[in-house]
N, C-alpha and C. Protein backbone atom coordinates (compact mmCIF):
# COMPACT_ATOMS: atom_id res chain seq x y z
N UNK A 1 120.31 72.13 81.05
CA UNK A 1 120.07 70.99 81.40
C UNK A 1 120.88 70.78 82.97
N UNK A 2 121.87 70.90 83.24
CA UNK A 2 122.28 70.75 84.23
C UNK A 2 121.77 71.27 85.60
N UNK A 3 121.29 72.97 85.30
CA UNK A 3 120.91 73.86 86.18
C UNK A 3 119.23 73.20 86.68
N UNK A 4 118.37 72.35 85.50
CA UNK A 4 117.46 71.75 85.82
C UNK A 4 117.54 70.44 86.81
N UNK A 5 118.59 70.20 86.66
CA UNK A 5 119.45 68.68 87.77
C UNK A 5 119.65 69.01 88.93
N UNK A 6 120.12 70.04 89.06
CA UNK A 6 120.62 70.82 90.61
C UNK A 6 119.28 71.36 91.54
N UNK A 7 118.41 71.95 90.61
CA UNK A 7 117.31 72.42 91.07
C UNK A 7 116.47 71.63 91.62
N UNK A 8 116.40 70.37 90.79
CA UNK A 8 115.70 69.07 91.59
C UNK A 8 116.29 68.62 92.82
N UNK A 9 117.47 68.18 92.32
CA UNK A 9 118.40 67.59 93.76
C UNK A 9 117.87 68.59 95.12
N UNK A 10 118.20 69.76 94.72
CA UNK A 10 117.87 70.93 95.90
C UNK A 10 116.54 70.55 96.24
N UNK A 11 115.65 70.30 95.49
CA UNK A 11 114.10 70.30 96.29
C UNK A 11 114.10 68.88 96.52
N UNK A 12 114.90 67.69 96.27
CA UNK A 12 114.65 66.78 97.32
C UNK A 12 115.42 66.71 98.47
N UNK A 13 116.62 67.76 98.38
CA UNK A 13 117.24 67.31 99.86
C UNK A 13 116.39 68.29 100.74
N UNK A 14 115.59 69.51 100.42
CA UNK A 14 114.81 70.58 101.32
C UNK A 14 113.50 69.55 101.50
N UNK A 15 112.61 68.75 100.85
CA UNK A 15 111.36 67.50 101.06
C UNK A 15 112.49 66.21 102.49
N UNK A 16 113.90 65.85 102.05
CA UNK A 16 113.94 64.90 102.98
C UNK A 16 114.39 65.64 104.43
N UNK A 17 115.20 66.69 104.43
CA UNK A 17 114.91 67.70 105.46
C UNK A 17 113.73 68.09 106.33
N UNK A 18 112.56 68.37 105.97
CA UNK A 18 111.66 68.34 105.92
C UNK A 18 110.88 67.08 106.53
N UNK A 19 110.81 65.90 105.55
CA UNK A 19 110.47 64.84 106.15
C UNK A 19 111.25 64.42 107.96
N UNK A 20 112.49 64.65 107.46
CA UNK A 20 113.26 64.25 109.25
C UNK A 20 113.26 64.97 109.99
N UNK A 21 112.58 66.45 109.65
CA UNK A 21 112.23 67.23 110.76
C UNK A 21 110.88 67.06 111.15
N UNK A 22 109.66 66.44 110.65
CA UNK A 22 108.95 65.87 110.85
C UNK A 22 108.73 64.73 111.62
N UNK A 23 109.41 63.81 111.50
CA UNK A 23 109.83 62.46 112.49
C UNK A 23 110.41 62.48 113.50
N UNK A 24 111.06 63.88 113.43
CA UNK A 24 111.76 63.91 114.82
C UNK A 24 111.14 64.49 115.80
N UNK A 25 109.93 65.22 115.30
CA UNK A 25 109.06 66.20 116.29
C UNK A 25 107.41 65.02 116.58
N UNK A 26 107.10 64.43 115.53
CA UNK A 26 106.68 62.68 115.58
C UNK A 26 107.33 62.42 117.08
N UNK A 27 108.29 61.77 116.98
CA UNK A 27 109.24 60.93 118.59
C UNK A 27 109.23 61.85 119.63
N UNK A 28 109.10 62.97 119.38
CA UNK A 28 109.53 63.65 120.64
C UNK A 28 107.95 64.01 121.01
N UNK A 29 107.08 64.14 120.18
CA UNK A 29 105.19 64.38 120.70
C UNK A 29 104.93 63.16 121.12
N UNK A 30 104.84 62.16 120.60
CA UNK A 30 104.82 60.93 120.72
C UNK A 30 104.88 60.22 121.81
N UNK A 31 106.01 60.55 122.67
CA UNK A 31 107.35 60.40 123.31
C UNK A 31 106.66 60.89 124.72
N UNK A 32 106.34 61.92 124.27
CA UNK A 32 105.28 62.77 125.77
C UNK A 32 104.14 62.21 125.78
N UNK A 33 103.67 62.52 124.98
CA UNK A 33 101.83 62.13 124.82
C UNK A 33 101.89 60.49 125.74
N UNK A 34 102.80 59.67 125.35
CA UNK A 34 102.79 58.80 125.95
C UNK A 34 103.38 58.32 127.45
N UNK A 35 104.26 58.88 127.61
CA UNK A 35 104.35 59.08 128.79
C UNK A 35 102.87 60.08 130.25
N UNK A 36 102.52 61.40 129.83
CA UNK A 36 101.16 61.86 130.55
C UNK A 36 100.29 60.69 130.18
N UNK A 37 100.27 59.81 129.02
CA UNK A 37 98.86 58.71 129.07
C UNK A 37 99.55 57.52 130.48
N UNK A 38 100.27 57.44 130.31
CA UNK A 38 101.14 56.32 131.41
C UNK A 38 100.66 57.15 132.70
N UNK A 39 101.02 58.43 132.92
CA UNK A 39 100.85 59.10 133.95
C UNK A 39 99.27 58.85 134.30
N UNK A 40 98.19 59.16 133.62
CA UNK A 40 96.81 59.43 133.66
C UNK A 40 96.36 57.85 133.81
N UNK A 41 97.07 56.96 133.18
CA UNK A 41 96.44 55.39 133.94
C UNK A 41 96.75 55.47 135.09
N UNK A 42 98.20 55.47 135.79
CA UNK A 42 98.29 55.78 137.42
C UNK A 42 97.26 55.79 138.12
N UNK A 43 96.42 57.40 137.12
CA UNK A 43 96.47 58.26 138.44
C UNK A 43 94.48 57.53 138.15
N UNK A 44 94.00 57.04 137.09
CA UNK A 44 92.71 55.95 137.00
C UNK A 44 93.08 54.72 137.55
N UNK A 45 94.03 54.17 137.94
CA UNK A 45 94.45 52.99 138.74
C UNK A 45 93.80 53.55 140.05
N UNK A 46 94.57 54.64 140.41
CA UNK A 46 94.01 55.42 142.13
C UNK A 46 93.08 54.93 141.91
N UNK A 47 92.23 55.66 141.11
CA UNK A 47 90.64 55.56 141.44
C UNK A 47 90.23 54.93 141.40
N UNK A 48 90.21 53.36 140.96
CA UNK A 48 89.41 52.44 141.15
C UNK A 48 90.39 51.93 142.27
N UNK A 49 91.21 51.98 142.96
CA UNK A 49 91.36 51.37 144.27
C UNK A 49 90.48 52.01 144.95
N UNK A 50 90.14 53.33 144.75
CA UNK A 50 89.27 54.36 145.63
C UNK A 50 87.71 53.87 146.28
N UNK A 51 87.51 53.48 144.93
CA UNK A 51 86.22 53.25 144.07
C UNK A 51 86.18 51.52 144.92
N UNK A 52 86.75 50.57 144.78
CA UNK A 52 87.00 49.34 145.24
C UNK A 52 86.94 49.75 146.85
N UNK A 53 87.50 50.34 147.75
CA UNK A 53 87.36 50.92 149.18
C UNK A 53 85.83 50.90 149.42
N UNK A 54 85.52 51.75 148.41
CA UNK A 54 84.06 52.50 148.73
C UNK A 54 83.13 51.18 148.34
N UNK A 55 83.58 49.58 147.96
CA UNK A 55 82.44 48.70 147.69
C UNK A 55 81.96 48.99 146.66
N UNK A 56 82.47 49.81 145.48
CA UNK A 56 82.21 49.85 144.25
C UNK A 56 82.85 48.69 143.25
N UNK A 57 82.72 47.35 143.39
CA UNK A 57 83.81 47.03 142.54
C UNK A 57 83.24 47.07 140.83
N UNK A 58 82.15 47.36 140.40
CA UNK A 58 81.76 47.22 139.40
C UNK A 58 82.42 48.42 138.75
N UNK A 59 82.62 49.56 138.73
CA UNK A 59 83.17 50.90 137.96
C UNK A 59 84.91 50.90 138.38
N UNK A 60 85.00 50.16 139.54
CA UNK A 60 86.45 49.92 139.46
C UNK A 60 87.21 49.47 138.88
N UNK A 61 86.01 48.01 138.54
CA UNK A 61 86.55 46.98 137.09
C UNK A 61 86.91 48.17 136.23
N UNK A 62 85.57 48.54 135.54
CA UNK A 62 85.90 49.36 134.25
C UNK A 62 86.80 50.37 134.33
N UNK A 63 87.65 51.02 135.39
CA UNK A 63 88.49 52.21 135.72
C UNK A 63 89.86 51.13 135.31
N UNK A 64 89.85 49.99 135.99
CA UNK A 64 90.87 49.18 135.83
C UNK A 64 91.11 48.87 134.35
N UNK A 65 89.96 48.89 133.46
CA UNK A 65 90.60 48.26 132.06
C UNK A 65 90.49 49.43 131.37
N UNK A 66 89.91 50.26 131.74
CA UNK A 66 90.46 51.97 130.78
C UNK A 66 91.82 52.55 131.41
N UNK A 67 92.37 52.08 132.50
CA UNK A 67 93.75 52.37 132.58
C UNK A 67 94.69 51.42 131.86
N UNK A 68 94.48 50.09 132.00
CA UNK A 68 94.90 49.31 131.08
C UNK A 68 95.71 49.77 129.60
N UNK A 69 94.19 50.15 129.25
CA UNK A 69 94.51 50.36 127.57
C UNK A 69 95.43 51.63 127.29
N UNK A 70 94.60 52.38 128.38
CA UNK A 70 95.96 53.61 128.32
C UNK A 70 97.33 53.55 128.11
N UNK A 71 97.39 52.40 129.90
CA UNK A 71 99.18 51.77 129.87
C UNK A 71 99.57 51.27 128.79
N UNK A 72 99.12 50.74 127.99
CA UNK A 72 99.45 50.30 126.67
C UNK A 72 99.10 51.22 125.53
N UNK A 73 98.71 52.07 125.58
CA UNK A 73 98.58 53.04 124.10
C UNK A 73 99.70 53.47 124.35
N UNK A 74 99.93 54.40 126.12
CA UNK A 74 100.97 55.01 126.36
C UNK A 74 102.74 54.14 125.97
N UNK A 75 102.71 53.39 126.31
CA UNK A 75 104.03 52.27 125.96
C UNK A 75 104.21 51.90 124.40
N UNK A 76 102.62 51.92 123.71
CA UNK A 76 103.38 52.14 122.35
C UNK A 76 103.99 53.76 121.71
N UNK A 77 103.32 54.38 122.47
CA UNK A 77 103.56 55.83 122.31
C UNK A 77 105.18 56.29 122.05
N UNK A 78 105.41 55.48 123.71
CA UNK A 78 106.62 56.09 123.94
C UNK A 78 107.56 55.07 123.31
N UNK A 79 107.31 53.34 123.33
CA UNK A 79 108.83 53.10 122.43
C UNK A 79 108.45 52.94 120.83
N UNK A 80 107.55 53.57 119.79
CA UNK A 80 107.69 53.50 118.62
C UNK A 80 107.89 54.43 117.76
N UNK A 81 108.71 54.48 116.78
CA UNK A 81 109.48 55.44 116.34
C UNK A 81 108.62 56.48 115.38
N UNK A 82 108.72 57.55 114.90
CA UNK A 82 108.22 58.56 114.40
C UNK A 82 107.53 57.86 113.25
N UNK A 83 108.03 57.09 112.65
CA UNK A 83 107.77 56.66 111.31
C UNK A 83 106.94 55.07 111.73
N UNK A 84 107.35 54.56 112.62
CA UNK A 84 106.04 53.96 112.52
C UNK A 84 104.93 53.97 112.93
N UNK A 85 104.87 54.95 113.80
CA UNK A 85 103.20 55.80 114.42
C UNK A 85 102.79 56.24 112.91
N UNK A 86 104.04 56.85 112.50
CA UNK A 86 103.16 57.68 110.50
C UNK A 86 103.04 56.69 110.29
N UNK A 87 103.18 55.35 109.70
CA UNK A 87 102.61 54.06 109.08
C UNK A 87 101.53 53.97 109.72
N UNK A 88 101.35 53.53 111.21
CA UNK A 88 100.30 53.11 111.66
C UNK A 88 99.19 54.32 111.21
N UNK A 89 99.33 54.75 111.29
CA UNK A 89 98.27 56.03 110.87
C UNK A 89 97.67 55.91 109.57
N UNK A 90 98.68 56.17 108.77
CA UNK A 90 98.28 56.08 107.18
C UNK A 90 97.36 54.73 106.85
N UNK A 91 97.87 53.31 107.94
CA UNK A 91 97.43 51.93 107.31
C UNK A 91 96.08 52.03 107.82
N UNK A 92 95.76 52.86 109.28
CA UNK A 92 94.20 52.70 109.69
C UNK A 92 93.70 53.87 108.72
N UNK A 93 94.11 54.71 108.15
CA UNK A 93 93.10 55.73 107.39
C UNK A 93 93.25 54.80 105.93
N UNK A 94 93.95 53.85 105.41
CA UNK A 94 93.34 53.01 104.38
C UNK A 94 92.34 52.25 104.71
N UNK A 95 92.47 51.55 105.69
CA UNK A 95 91.64 50.62 105.93
C UNK A 95 90.04 51.18 106.27
N UNK A 96 90.10 52.51 107.17
CA UNK A 96 88.91 53.10 108.17
C UNK A 96 88.58 54.07 107.32
N UNK A 97 88.63 54.27 105.67
CA UNK A 97 88.50 55.80 105.41
C UNK A 97 87.00 56.68 105.95
N UNK A 98 85.75 56.10 105.75
CA UNK A 98 84.37 56.30 106.84
C UNK A 98 85.35 56.75 108.00
N UNK A 99 86.10 55.99 108.87
CA UNK A 99 86.53 56.68 110.63
C UNK A 99 87.09 58.06 110.34
N UNK A 100 88.24 57.94 109.61
CA UNK A 100 88.75 59.62 108.88
C UNK A 100 88.20 60.84 108.49
N UNK A 101 86.41 60.55 107.55
CA UNK A 101 85.37 61.18 107.41
C UNK A 101 84.74 61.78 108.50
N UNK A 102 84.31 60.41 109.47
CA UNK A 102 83.62 60.90 110.11
C UNK A 102 84.12 61.74 111.55
N UNK A 103 85.41 61.44 111.57
CA UNK A 103 86.72 62.17 112.82
C UNK A 103 86.37 63.34 111.77
N UNK A 104 86.90 64.03 111.02
CA UNK A 104 87.13 65.25 110.12
C UNK A 104 85.79 65.77 110.61
N UNK A 105 84.67 65.25 110.68
CA UNK A 105 83.03 65.66 110.69
C UNK A 105 83.11 66.22 111.79
N UNK A 106 83.58 65.51 112.85
CA UNK A 106 83.13 65.68 114.36
C UNK A 106 84.52 66.72 114.82
N UNK A 107 85.42 67.17 114.31
CA UNK A 107 86.65 67.94 114.52
C UNK A 107 85.88 68.97 113.87
N UNK A 108 85.41 69.02 112.78
CA UNK A 108 84.82 70.25 112.28
C UNK A 108 83.50 70.84 113.03
N UNK A 109 82.65 69.94 113.01
CA UNK A 109 81.50 70.50 114.16
C UNK A 109 82.07 70.54 115.31
N UNK A 110 83.14 70.39 116.28
CA UNK A 110 83.71 70.93 117.16
C UNK A 110 84.41 72.39 117.30
N UNK A 111 84.56 72.56 116.27
CA UNK A 111 85.64 73.72 115.83
C UNK A 111 84.52 74.51 115.47
N UNK A 112 83.09 74.42 114.98
CA UNK A 112 82.42 75.40 114.31
C UNK A 112 81.79 75.98 116.29
N UNK A 113 81.42 74.92 116.90
CA UNK A 113 80.84 75.69 117.67
C UNK A 113 81.45 76.33 118.64
N UNK A 114 83.15 75.76 119.02
CA UNK A 114 83.52 77.15 119.76
C UNK A 114 83.97 78.06 119.16
N UNK A 115 83.83 78.21 117.74
CA UNK A 115 83.76 79.28 116.90
C UNK A 115 82.51 80.21 117.54
N UNK A 116 81.58 79.61 116.94
CA UNK A 116 80.48 80.40 117.71
C UNK A 116 79.77 80.92 119.04
N UNK A 117 80.74 79.92 119.92
CA UNK A 117 80.75 80.50 121.15
C UNK A 117 81.63 81.40 120.97
N UNK A 118 82.90 81.53 120.66
CA UNK A 118 83.73 82.84 121.20
C UNK A 118 82.91 84.16 120.17
N UNK A 119 82.42 83.77 119.49
CA UNK A 119 81.99 85.18 118.76
C UNK A 119 81.14 85.56 119.63
N UNK A 120 80.03 85.00 120.52
CA UNK A 120 79.20 85.33 121.01
C UNK A 120 79.95 86.12 122.12
N UNK A 121 80.93 85.29 123.15
CA UNK A 121 81.48 86.29 124.06
C UNK A 121 82.04 87.16 123.28
N UNK A 122 82.55 87.46 122.14
CA UNK A 122 83.50 88.78 122.00
C UNK A 122 82.25 89.53 121.65
N UNK A 123 81.45 89.46 120.97
CA UNK A 123 80.17 90.18 120.82
C UNK A 123 79.55 91.07 122.11
N UNK A 124 79.74 90.09 123.46
CA UNK A 124 79.11 90.64 124.83
C UNK A 124 79.98 91.50 125.45
N UNK A 125 81.35 91.11 124.98
CA UNK A 125 82.50 92.07 125.57
C UNK A 125 82.38 93.10 124.73
N UNK A 126 82.31 93.17 123.79
CA UNK A 126 82.23 94.86 122.71
C UNK A 126 81.14 95.68 123.02
N UNK A 127 80.18 94.68 123.97
CA UNK A 127 79.03 95.62 124.31
C UNK A 127 79.15 96.31 125.46
N UNK A 128 79.76 95.34 126.04
CA UNK A 128 80.03 95.94 127.90
C UNK A 128 81.34 97.01 127.57
N UNK A 129 82.19 96.83 126.73
CA UNK A 129 82.72 97.90 126.83
C UNK A 129 82.29 99.54 126.26
N UNK A 130 81.00 99.47 125.38
CA UNK A 130 80.80 100.74 125.08
C UNK A 130 80.47 101.11 123.73
N UNK A 131 81.40 99.81 122.60
CA UNK A 131 81.48 99.91 121.39
C UNK A 131 79.98 100.02 120.89
N UNK A 132 79.19 99.16 121.31
CA UNK A 132 78.03 99.17 120.54
C UNK A 132 76.71 99.62 121.53
N UNK A 133 77.11 100.16 122.19
CA UNK A 133 75.95 100.97 123.18
C UNK A 133 76.16 102.90 122.43
N UNK A 134 75.10 103.46 122.55
CA UNK A 134 74.52 104.75 122.67
C UNK A 134 74.96 105.38 123.68
N UNK A 135 76.11 106.55 123.63
CA UNK A 135 76.35 106.98 125.06
C UNK A 135 75.06 107.52 125.71
N UNK A 136 75.67 107.64 127.14
CA UNK A 136 74.43 108.10 128.16
C UNK A 136 75.02 109.83 128.12
N UNK A 137 74.28 110.72 127.89
CA UNK A 137 74.62 112.01 127.94
C UNK A 137 74.05 112.91 129.20
N UNK A 138 73.99 111.93 130.40
CA UNK A 138 73.72 112.98 131.23
C UNK A 138 71.86 112.35 131.63
N UNK A 139 71.04 112.86 132.86
CA UNK A 139 69.84 113.09 133.41
C UNK A 139 69.02 112.95 131.82
N UNK A 140 69.48 114.26 130.97
CA UNK A 140 68.40 114.08 129.88
C UNK A 140 68.25 113.46 128.91
N UNK A 141 70.09 113.20 128.92
CA UNK A 141 70.74 112.05 127.25
C UNK A 141 69.71 110.94 127.04
N UNK A 142 70.86 110.29 126.54
CA UNK A 142 70.52 108.85 125.90
C UNK A 142 69.44 109.01 125.25
N UNK A 143 67.66 108.60 125.64
CA UNK A 143 66.77 108.31 125.28
C UNK A 143 66.12 109.49 125.67
N UNK A 144 66.32 110.86 125.90
CA UNK A 144 65.22 111.81 125.89
C UNK A 144 64.63 111.72 127.50
N UNK A 145 64.38 111.11 127.76
CA UNK A 145 63.51 110.74 129.19
C UNK A 145 63.90 110.41 130.44
N UNK A 146 64.56 109.21 130.27
CA UNK A 146 65.06 108.90 131.72
C UNK A 146 66.40 109.03 132.05
N UNK A 147 67.45 109.36 131.01
CA UNK A 147 68.42 108.93 131.56
C UNK A 147 69.57 107.59 131.15
N UNK A 148 68.75 106.91 130.86
CA UNK A 148 69.16 105.78 130.53
C UNK A 148 69.43 105.55 128.92
N UNK A 149 70.69 105.18 128.79
CA UNK A 149 71.70 104.74 127.58
C UNK A 149 70.68 103.93 127.10
N UNK A 150 70.44 103.59 125.67
CA UNK A 150 69.48 102.81 124.76
C UNK A 150 70.77 101.96 123.75
N UNK A 151 70.64 101.08 123.85
CA UNK A 151 71.09 99.79 123.48
C UNK A 151 70.94 99.97 121.47
N UNK A 152 72.08 99.91 120.81
CA UNK A 152 71.73 100.08 119.69
C UNK A 152 70.92 98.80 118.88
N UNK A 153 70.49 97.54 119.66
CA UNK A 153 70.16 96.13 118.90
C UNK A 153 69.05 96.17 120.02
N UNK A 154 67.88 96.21 118.99
CA UNK A 154 66.52 95.87 119.89
C UNK A 154 66.69 94.72 120.91
N UNK A 155 65.47 94.97 122.32
CA UNK A 155 66.00 94.04 123.06
C UNK A 155 64.23 93.54 122.82
N UNK A 156 63.92 92.08 122.89
CA UNK A 156 62.96 92.03 122.78
C UNK A 156 62.67 90.59 123.53
N UNK A 157 61.58 90.29 124.09
CA UNK A 157 61.56 88.52 124.93
C UNK A 157 62.17 87.90 124.27
N UNK A 158 62.64 86.86 124.48
CA UNK A 158 63.49 85.73 124.33
C UNK A 158 64.88 86.08 122.80
N UNK A 159 65.06 86.96 122.90
CA UNK A 159 65.94 87.59 122.32
C UNK A 159 67.44 87.42 122.35
N UNK A 160 68.86 86.98 121.84
CA UNK A 160 69.63 86.60 122.45
C UNK A 160 70.51 87.64 122.18
N UNK A 161 69.95 88.79 122.18
CA UNK A 161 70.55 90.32 121.80
C UNK A 161 70.61 91.23 123.02
N UNK A 162 71.41 90.75 123.87
CA UNK A 162 71.00 91.85 125.10
C UNK A 162 72.16 92.66 125.35
N UNK A 163 72.21 93.91 126.31
CA UNK A 163 73.32 94.62 127.14
C UNK A 163 73.17 94.13 128.29
N UNK A 164 72.36 93.65 128.75
CA UNK A 164 72.41 93.35 130.22
C UNK A 164 73.58 92.65 130.77
N UNK A 165 74.28 92.50 131.57
CA UNK A 165 75.36 91.29 132.10
C UNK A 165 74.72 90.14 132.55
N UNK A 166 75.06 89.15 132.41
CA UNK A 166 74.91 87.44 132.35
C UNK A 166 74.76 87.26 134.22
N UNK A 167 74.32 87.21 134.38
CA UNK A 167 74.14 86.70 135.84
C UNK A 167 74.06 85.02 136.34
């Protein structure tokens, strides 16, 4: 029985230490993000001033409004503790579960698009470094008549697969 109690206590201590590290990280990262957001708000205000000098009052007003909101969020991120921010996120998630689900969907779609784009780039890179192209064996090598190497992938009109460099 004593060993079980000690094991439970160790697990609880480890969990408390992990929570403490997470809080510290949230504090540090949120302060940094708040400072960056406040700096960006200042930049947007500068853009608004430039727009105003050009006589573009409506876009300048929108830029000022965006800068004000960004400044408010930046100040909140800088002043709030990690516990407060985590509690805010939890409360928002409880009140708006569909928003969290939609956000997860958007992030998933964005990630899949990035993966798809990067896989195309990796494929093109493998084709350009010769791993997907038959070797050119001199003037009569390759396809036997023209001396040009042939791709292992068929090239058809409108095909997404090509060994030709992009222009």
